[in-house]
Every structure is written in structure tokens, then in C-alpha cells.
Amino acid sequence: MKKRPRRTPRSWKIVGTKVINYFYNNPHANSHDEISEKFNIDKSSIRKILSKELDRRFKNAERVRKL
């Protein structure tokens, strides 16, 4: 296994965007294991990235429903 690179906050944002796009555009291959191998990040980071995005989408949906 390769050593994971140190990431800056900006690179985490870029990787997070790529993970989210991959998760939603590839429903057949969106397990944490596959995403972890593809982007070279650990599963807990994937879980954090996806939970933040899902929470953001949920809050946005609630806000739209209240209008």
C-alpha cells in the first residue's frame, strides 16, 4: 500500500468534490473500498465527506419544502 500524501485544506476540498462526483455518477461502484482505492484516502475521511454532503442536501431540501 502506498503512503498517503499530506493534504492541504484546498486539496481536501478538491478531493472531496471528486469523491462526491464519483459517488453520485457511478452508482455501480460507490462502495467505500472502491472510493478509498481510487482516491487514496481512508474510509473515515470518505464517510465524513459524504455525510457533510448528505446533510447539506437534506437541509437544502427542507428549506425548499418550507417555501
Protein backbone atom coordinates (compact mmCIF):
# COMPACT_ATOMS: atom_id res chain seq x y z
CA MET A 1 0.00 0.00 0.00
CA LYS A 2 1.29 3.42 -0.94
CA LYS A 3 1.83 6.07 1.67
CA ARG A 4 -0.95 8.62 1.58
CA PRO A 5 0.11 12.16 0.69
CA ARG A 6 -0.25 15.02 3.14
CA ARG A 7 -3.07 17.23 2.01
CA THR A 8 -3.71 20.93 2.42
CA PRO A 9 -7.22 22.24 3.14
CA ARG A 10 -7.53 23.25 -0.51
CA SER A 11 -6.54 19.79 -1.74
CA TRP A 12 -9.06 18.21 0.69
CA LYS A 13 -11.76 20.38 -0.84
CA ILE A 14 -10.76 19.26 -4.34
CA VAL A 15 -10.63 15.58 -3.34
CA GLY A 16 -13.97 15.96 -1.55
CA THR A 17 -15.56 17.33 -4.72
CA LYS A 18 -14.14 14.46 -6.76
CA VAL A 19 -15.36 11.87 -4.23
CA ILE A 20 -18.87 13.34 -4.24
CA ASN A 21 -18.99 13.44 -8.04
CA TYR A 22 -17.72 9.85 -8.26
CA PHE A 23 -20.23 8.70 -5.63
CA TYR A 24 -23.22 10.13 -7.49
CA ASN A 25 -22.07 9.45 -11.06
CA ASN A 26 -21.05 5.81 -10.52
CA PRO A 27 -23.81 4.05 -8.59
CA HIS A 28 -22.41 0.63 -9.52
CA ALA A 29 -19.02 1.39 -7.95
CA ASN A 30 -19.63 3.60 -4.95
CA SER A 31 -18.53 1.43 -2.04
CA HIS A 32 -16.11 2.93 0.45
CA ASP A 33 -13.46 0.36 -0.52
CA GLU A 34 -13.51 1.30 -4.19
CA ILE A 35 -13.52 5.02 -3.50
CA SER A 36 -10.69 4.57 -0.99
CA GLU A 37 -8.53 2.80 -3.57
CA LYS A 38 -9.34 5.24 -6.36
CA PHE A 39 -8.62 8.45 -4.43
CA ASN A 40 -6.08 7.10 -1.92
CA ILE A 41 -7.94 8.26 1.20
CA ASP A 42 -9.13 6.30 4.21
CA LYS A 43 -12.70 5.21 4.80
CA SER A 44 -13.33 7.55 7.71
CA SER A 45 -12.49 10.55 5.51
CA ILE A 46 -14.89 9.27 2.85
CA ARG A 47 -17.57 8.86 5.48
CA LYS A 48 -17.04 12.45 6.71
CA ILE A 49 -17.09 13.90 3.20
CA LEU A 50 -20.26 12.06 2.23
CA SER A 51 -22.07 12.76 5.50
CA LYS A 52 -21.38 16.50 5.17
CA GLU A 53 -22.70 16.47 1.62
CA LEU A 54 -25.80 14.45 2.50
CA ASP A 55 -26.50 16.76 5.44
CA ARG A 56 -26.14 19.79 3.18
CA ARG A 57 -28.54 18.29 0.63
CA PHE A 58 -31.04 17.34 3.34
CA LYS A 59 -31.05 20.86 4.82
CA ASN A 60 -31.43 22.36 1.37
CA ALA A 61 -34.39 20.07 0.62
CA GLU A 62 -36.02 21.06 3.93
CA ARG A 63 -35.52 24.73 3.13
CA VAL A 64 -37.09 24.31 -0.31
CA ARG A 65 -40.08 22.42 1.15
CA LYS A 66 -40.78 25.25 3.60
CA LEU A 67 -41.10 27.83 0.81
